Amino acid sequence: MLRVGTIVQADGTTAVAVTADEENEPARAAILADYADVDALIAAGDAWRPAADAALAGKLVDVGTLVWAPPVRRPGKVVCVALNNSANPDRIMRGPETPAMFVKPSSSLIGSGQPIIVKEKYGRVHPEPELVAVIAKGGADIAVEDALDHVFGYTIINDLTSPTMRDADTFHYRAIHPDPEAEDGIRYVDSWVSYPARYKGSDTFGPIGPWVALAESIPDPHTLRITCTHDGRLVTDDNTANLRYSVAEVLSFASGYMTFEPGDVLAMGTALKKSAKGGAVQNVDLTRLGGVIEVSIERIGTLSNPVEQR
């Protein structure tokens, strides 16, 4: 089982770490110095694999000594799916019958081990543990049956969210719609709309990685246990089987509106099952509590980030 990630070396340059360890938390890895990041592996097709095999047969390093960058350092887009857990329909009062999406800026991404910055003006900030598909082959109007062929591998994202900023950036207003029967040709419709730039896209609101498990290692991404802990306390324990829409369905649907490019990131939505008293992820206010937040996904690894309060 091959996993790859992007590391920052002592001189500030980046390289690729690769491991073949079968353990969920690999202990040893090889360094591919000729490849700057996972983006470069994607661009190289399969040409990097002989170098990886040779490196894995040579000197290995302790994974605990590695400094992580986001696996894909600056994806063209980070497409995120909203309310994509089977627990959500009971809470949705009105919503679409198709995946609902938003785009998170790549500037929000940080590597495992890097600090999540929270500021008092952000208000509440809570974690959202999610499975991610990293795109290898771009395309538009991708058929569901072909969608997984476009995936390079799977990683982890913590889609940090501020409900305080969401409330502040929500409008309740009268939207104008055409009405040919009205004297002035319009009608007003009571509407709510929210814009996620701040509450989803603030700096450091996208911890991602550290490992990307190659798609060949995970033929079914919907059988994976996913957990989230805060300072070692289990907050949620769920499974990707509970995603409302599958990776293939979301990728196919989204590609009907936006062209996917190699290195793009598709975040699949939050694991929601409660696992501890007061354990809903929404109750973990990182602005107030600080601490260390970790997201683990079976066969991929663990994303761990300390919180820095400013």
Foldseek 3Di string as FASTA:
>chain_A
DKKKFWFQDPVRFIWMWIDPDQDQADFKTFTDRVARAVLSVLVVPCPCVVVRVVRNVDDIDTPVVTHGFFRLQFFPWEKEWEQFFLVRVVVDPDDDPATDIDIAGSQQEGEFAAAQEDEVVLAFKFWFKWKKFAFRAKFFLDALVCQLVRTFFIWIKTQIFRVVVQVVQKDFFWDWDADCVDPVRIDTDGDIDTDCCPGRHDHNSIYIDRITDGCVQPVDQQAKWKWKDFQRHTQAIATSVRGNDGSSRVSNVVSNPPIDDHGYMYIRTGHAHGDDVCRGRSSCGCQPVWGKMWMGMPSGHIRIHGYDYD
